[in-house]
Amino acid sequence: MDHIVTVQEAVTALAPWREPTDAELDAIELEMPAITADLDWLEAVIITLDRTPTELDTRRIRRARRRALDACQELANRTADGFAGGAA
């Protein structure tokens, strides 16, 4: 019979080095409006998965999609204006 052994030391030994750097945290902060807008869009779509979308649902999805696209465009414009990013 094979025994499963934990490797806690091997897993946690590198934990402090696996934290995000300041540059990565700055990049996440910069991308947060786009991430939030994408989540709102996703939520609007998920609401309509189990039913036929009404006109209100369609407008909600369209507005959320537009906000997500605007946020992505704003992010692209900001990163093109000089912020190099570096988190990806």
N, C-alpha and C. Protein backbone atom coordinates (compact mmCIF):
# COMPACT_ATOMS: atom_id res chain seq x y z
N MET A 1 0.85 -1.17 0.00
CA MET A 1 0.00 0.00 0.00
C MET A 1 0.89 1.24 0.00
N ASP A 2 0.59 2.17 -0.89
CA ASP A 2 1.34 3.42 -0.96
C ASP A 2 0.75 4.43 0.00
N HIS A 3 1.62 5.11 0.72
CA HIS A 3 1.18 6.13 1.65
C HIS A 3 1.31 7.51 1.01
N ILE A 4 0.31 8.31 1.22
CA ILE A 4 0.35 9.68 0.73
C ILE A 4 0.94 10.53 1.85
N VAL A 5 2.01 11.23 1.54
CA VAL A 5 2.70 12.03 2.53
C VAL A 5 2.57 13.49 2.15
N THR A 6 2.35 14.33 3.12
CA THR A 6 2.26 15.75 2.83
C THR A 6 3.64 16.32 2.60
N VAL A 7 3.70 17.31 1.79
CA VAL A 7 4.97 17.98 1.51
C VAL A 7 4.84 19.44 1.94
N GLN A 8 4.39 19.62 3.16
CA GLN A 8 4.13 20.96 3.67
C GLN A 8 5.36 21.85 3.61
N GLU A 9 6.51 21.31 3.98
CA GLU A 9 7.72 22.13 3.96
C GLU A 9 8.06 22.57 2.55
N ALA A 10 7.93 21.68 1.60
CA ALA A 10 8.26 22.02 0.22
C ALA A 10 7.28 23.05 -0.34
N VAL A 11 6.03 22.97 0.06
CA VAL A 11 5.02 23.88 -0.45
C VAL A 11 5.15 25.26 0.19
N THR A 12 5.33 25.30 1.49
CA THR A 12 5.35 26.59 2.18
C THR A 12 6.72 27.23 2.23
N ALA A 13 7.75 26.49 1.84
CA ALA A 13 9.10 27.06 1.90
C ALA A 13 9.24 28.24 0.95
N LEU A 14 8.54 28.23 -0.16
CA LEU A 14 8.65 29.30 -1.14
C LEU A 14 7.53 30.32 -1.03
N ALA A 15 6.67 30.20 -0.04
CA ALA A 15 5.51 31.08 0.06
C ALA A 15 5.84 32.56 0.06
N PRO A 16 6.83 33.04 0.82
CA PRO A 16 7.11 34.48 0.78
C PRO A 16 7.58 34.95 -0.60
N TRP A 17 8.19 34.08 -1.35
CA TRP A 17 8.69 34.47 -2.68
C TRP A 17 7.58 34.43 -3.72
N ARG A 18 6.47 33.85 -3.39
CA ARG A 18 5.39 33.72 -4.36
C ARG A 18 4.38 34.86 -4.26
N GLU A 19 4.61 35.79 -3.39
CA GLU A 19 3.73 36.95 -3.26
C GLU A 19 3.87 37.84 -4.49
N PRO A 20 2.80 38.54 -4.87
CA PRO A 20 2.91 39.43 -6.02
C PRO A 20 3.84 40.60 -5.72
N THR A 21 4.54 41.02 -6.73
CA THR A 21 5.44 42.16 -6.59
C THR A 21 4.64 43.45 -6.61
N ASP A 22 5.29 44.55 -6.26
CA ASP A 22 4.62 45.85 -6.31
C ASP A 22 4.17 46.18 -7.72
N ALA A 23 4.98 45.83 -8.71
CA ALA A 23 4.61 46.10 -10.11
C ALA A 23 3.37 45.30 -10.51
N GLU A 24 3.29 44.05 -10.05
CA GLU A 24 2.11 43.24 -10.36
C GLU A 24 0.86 43.78 -9.67
N LEU A 25 1.01 44.22 -8.43
CA LEU A 25 -0.13 44.81 -7.72
C LEU A 25 -0.59 46.11 -8.38
N ASP A 26 0.36 46.91 -8.86
CA ASP A 26 0.01 48.14 -9.58
C ASP A 26 -0.74 47.83 -10.87
N ALA A 27 -0.30 46.78 -11.57
CA ALA A 27 -0.97 46.40 -12.81
C ALA A 27 -2.39 45.91 -12.53
N ILE A 28 -2.57 45.16 -11.46
CA ILE A 28 -3.91 44.70 -11.09
C ILE A 28 -4.80 45.89 -10.75
N GLU A 29 -4.24 46.84 -10.01
CA GLU A 29 -4.99 48.05 -9.65
C GLU A 29 -5.41 48.81 -10.91
N LEU A 30 -4.52 48.87 -11.89
CA LEU A 30 -4.81 49.56 -13.14
C LEU A 30 -5.92 48.85 -13.92
N GLU A 31 -5.92 47.52 -13.87
CA GLU A 31 -6.89 46.73 -14.63
C GLU A 31 -8.21 46.52 -13.91
N MET A 32 -8.32 46.91 -12.65
CA MET A 32 -9.50 46.62 -11.85
C MET A 32 -10.81 47.16 -12.45
N PRO A 33 -10.86 48.38 -13.00
CA PRO A 33 -12.13 48.81 -13.61
C PRO A 33 -12.58 47.90 -14.76
N ALA A 34 -11.64 47.43 -15.56
CA ALA A 34 -12.00 46.53 -16.66
C ALA A 34 -12.45 45.18 -16.12
N ILE A 35 -11.79 44.70 -15.08
CA ILE A 35 -12.18 43.42 -14.48
C ILE A 35 -13.58 43.51 -13.89
N THR A 36 -13.87 44.59 -13.19
CA THR A 36 -15.19 44.78 -12.58
C THR A 36 -16.27 44.89 -13.65
N ALA A 37 -15.99 45.62 -14.72
CA ALA A 37 -16.97 45.75 -15.80
C ALA A 37 -17.22 44.41 -16.47
N ASP A 38 -16.18 43.60 -16.66
CA ASP A 38 -16.36 42.27 -17.23
C ASP A 38 -17.21 41.38 -16.32
N LEU A 39 -17.00 41.48 -15.01
CA LEU A 39 -17.80 40.70 -14.07
C LEU A 39 -19.26 41.13 -14.10
N ASP A 40 -19.53 42.43 -14.22
CA ASP A 40 -20.90 42.91 -14.31
C ASP A 40 -21.57 42.38 -15.58
N TRP A 41 -20.84 42.38 -16.67
CA TRP A 41 -21.36 41.86 -17.94
C TRP A 41 -21.67 40.36 -17.79
N LEU A 42 -20.74 39.63 -17.21
CA LEU A 42 -20.94 38.21 -17.00
C LEU A 42 -22.15 37.93 -16.12
N GLU A 43 -22.31 38.72 -15.08
CA GLU A 43 -23.46 38.56 -14.20
C GLU A 43 -24.77 38.81 -14.95
N ALA A 44 -24.79 39.82 -15.81
CA ALA A 44 -26.00 40.11 -16.58
C ALA A 44 -26.34 38.96 -17.52
N VAL A 45 -25.34 38.33 -18.08
CA VAL A 45 -25.58 37.20 -18.98
C VAL A 45 -26.03 35.97 -18.19
N ILE A 46 -25.41 35.73 -17.05
CA ILE A 46 -25.74 34.55 -16.24
C ILE A 46 -27.19 34.62 -15.76
N ILE A 47 -27.67 35.80 -15.45
CA ILE A 47 -29.05 35.95 -14.98
C ILE A 47 -30.04 35.42 -16.00
N THR A 48 -29.72 35.53 -17.29
CA THR A 48 -30.67 35.14 -18.34
C THR A 48 -30.47 33.72 -18.84
N LEU A 49 -29.57 32.96 -18.24
CA LEU A 49 -29.30 31.62 -18.75
C LEU A 49 -30.48 30.66 -18.62
N ASP A 50 -31.25 30.78 -17.56
CA ASP A 50 -32.32 29.81 -17.34
C ASP A 50 -33.70 30.33 -17.73
N ARG A 51 -33.73 31.41 -18.47
CA ARG A 51 -35.02 31.94 -18.92
C ARG A 51 -34.84 32.68 -20.24
N THR A 52 -35.95 32.98 -20.86
CA THR A 52 -35.91 33.78 -22.08
C THR A 52 -35.68 35.23 -21.69
N PRO A 53 -34.64 35.86 -22.25
CA PRO A 53 -34.35 37.25 -21.88
C PRO A 53 -35.50 38.19 -22.25
N THR A 54 -35.85 39.04 -21.33
CA THR A 54 -36.85 40.07 -21.60
C THR A 54 -36.16 41.27 -22.24
N GLU A 55 -36.94 42.25 -22.62
CA GLU A 55 -36.36 43.47 -23.18
C GLU A 55 -35.46 44.16 -22.17
N LEU A 56 -35.85 44.15 -20.90
CA LEU A 56 -35.03 44.73 -19.84
C LEU A 56 -33.70 43.98 -19.71
N ASP A 57 -33.75 42.64 -19.78
CA ASP A 57 -32.52 41.85 -19.73
C ASP A 57 -31.60 42.17 -20.90
N THR A 58 -32.18 42.30 -22.06
CA THR A 58 -31.39 42.62 -23.25
C THR A 58 -30.71 43.97 -23.10
N ARG A 59 -31.43 44.95 -22.59
CA ARG A 59 -30.83 46.28 -22.39
C ARG A 59 -29.74 46.23 -21.31
N ARG A 60 -29.99 45.46 -20.25
CA ARG A 60 -29.00 45.34 -19.17
C ARG A 60 -27.71 44.71 -19.71
N ILE A 61 -27.84 43.66 -20.51
CA ILE A 61 -26.66 43.02 -21.10
C ILE A 61 -25.94 43.98 -22.04
N ARG A 62 -26.69 44.69 -22.86
CA ARG A 62 -26.09 45.62 -23.81
C ARG A 62 -25.34 46.74 -23.09
N ARG A 63 -25.94 47.28 -22.03
CA ARG A 63 -25.26 48.35 -21.27
C ARG A 63 -24.01 47.81 -20.57
N ALA A 64 -24.11 46.62 -19.99
CA ALA A 64 -22.95 46.03 -19.31
C ALA A 64 -21.84 45.74 -20.31
N ARG A 65 -22.20 45.26 -21.49
CA ARG A 65 -21.19 44.99 -22.52
C ARG A 65 -20.51 46.28 -22.95
N ARG A 66 -21.31 47.33 -23.12
CA ARG A 66 -20.76 48.62 -23.53
C ARG A 66 -19.80 49.16 -22.47
N ARG A 67 -20.18 49.04 -21.19
CA ARG A 67 -19.29 49.49 -20.10
C ARG A 67 -18.00 48.68 -20.08
N ALA A 68 -18.10 47.37 -20.33
CA ALA A 68 -16.91 46.53 -20.36
C ALA A 68 -15.99 46.92 -21.52
N LEU A 69 -16.57 47.17 -22.67
CA LEU A 69 -15.76 47.59 -23.81
C LEU A 69 -15.12 48.96 -23.57
N ASP A 70 -15.88 49.86 -22.97
CA ASP A 70 -15.32 51.18 -22.65
C ASP A 70 -14.17 51.08 -21.65
N ALA A 71 -14.34 50.22 -20.65
CA ALA A 71 -13.28 50.05 -19.66
C ALA A 71 -12.03 49.44 -20.28
N CYS A 72 -12.21 48.49 -21.19
CA CYS A 72 -11.06 47.89 -21.88
C CYS A 72 -10.37 48.91 -22.77
N GLN A 73 -11.15 49.76 -23.42
CA GLN A 73 -10.57 50.79 -24.27
C GLN A 73 -9.81 51.81 -23.42
N GLU A 74 -10.37 52.18 -22.29
CA GLU A 74 -9.70 53.12 -21.39
C GLU A 74 -8.39 52.51 -20.87
N LEU A 75 -8.42 51.23 -20.54
CA LEU A 75 -7.21 50.55 -20.09
C LEU A 75 -6.15 50.53 -21.20
N ALA A 76 -6.57 50.23 -22.41
CA ALA A 76 -5.63 50.20 -23.53
C ALA A 76 -5.04 51.58 -23.77
N ASN A 77 -5.86 52.62 -23.66
CA ASN A 77 -5.36 53.97 -23.86
C ASN A 77 -4.37 54.36 -22.77
N ARG A 78 -4.65 53.98 -21.52
CA ARG A 78 -3.74 54.31 -20.41
C ARG A 78 -2.43 53.57 -20.54
N THR A 79 -2.48 52.29 -20.91
CA THR A 79 -1.24 51.53 -21.03
C THR A 79 -0.43 52.00 -22.24
N ALA A 80 -1.08 52.47 -23.27
CA ALA A 80 -0.37 52.96 -24.45
C ALA A 80 0.27 54.32 -24.18
N ASP A 81 -0.25 55.03 -23.18
CA ASP A 81 0.29 56.38 -22.87
C ASP A 81 1.52 56.34 -22.00
N GLY A 82 2.07 55.19 -21.73
CA GLY A 82 3.33 55.19 -21.02
C GLY A 82 3.47 54.20 -19.90
N PHE A 83 2.39 53.60 -19.43
CA PHE A 83 2.52 52.62 -18.37
C PHE A 83 2.85 51.28 -19.01
N ALA A 84 3.97 50.72 -18.66
CA ALA A 84 4.43 49.50 -19.32
C ALA A 84 3.78 48.25 -18.73
N GLY A 85 3.23 48.32 -17.55
CA GLY A 85 2.60 47.15 -16.94
C GLY A 85 3.64 46.19 -16.45
N GLY A 86 3.58 44.95 -16.91
CA GLY A 86 4.57 43.97 -16.54
C GLY A 86 4.03 42.83 -15.70
N ALA A 87 2.74 42.83 -15.39
CA ALA A 87 2.19 41.76 -14.56
C ALA A 87 1.96 40.49 -15.38
N ALA A 88 1.75 40.62 -16.64
CA ALA A 88 1.49 39.44 -17.46
C ALA A 88 2.78 38.92 -17.92
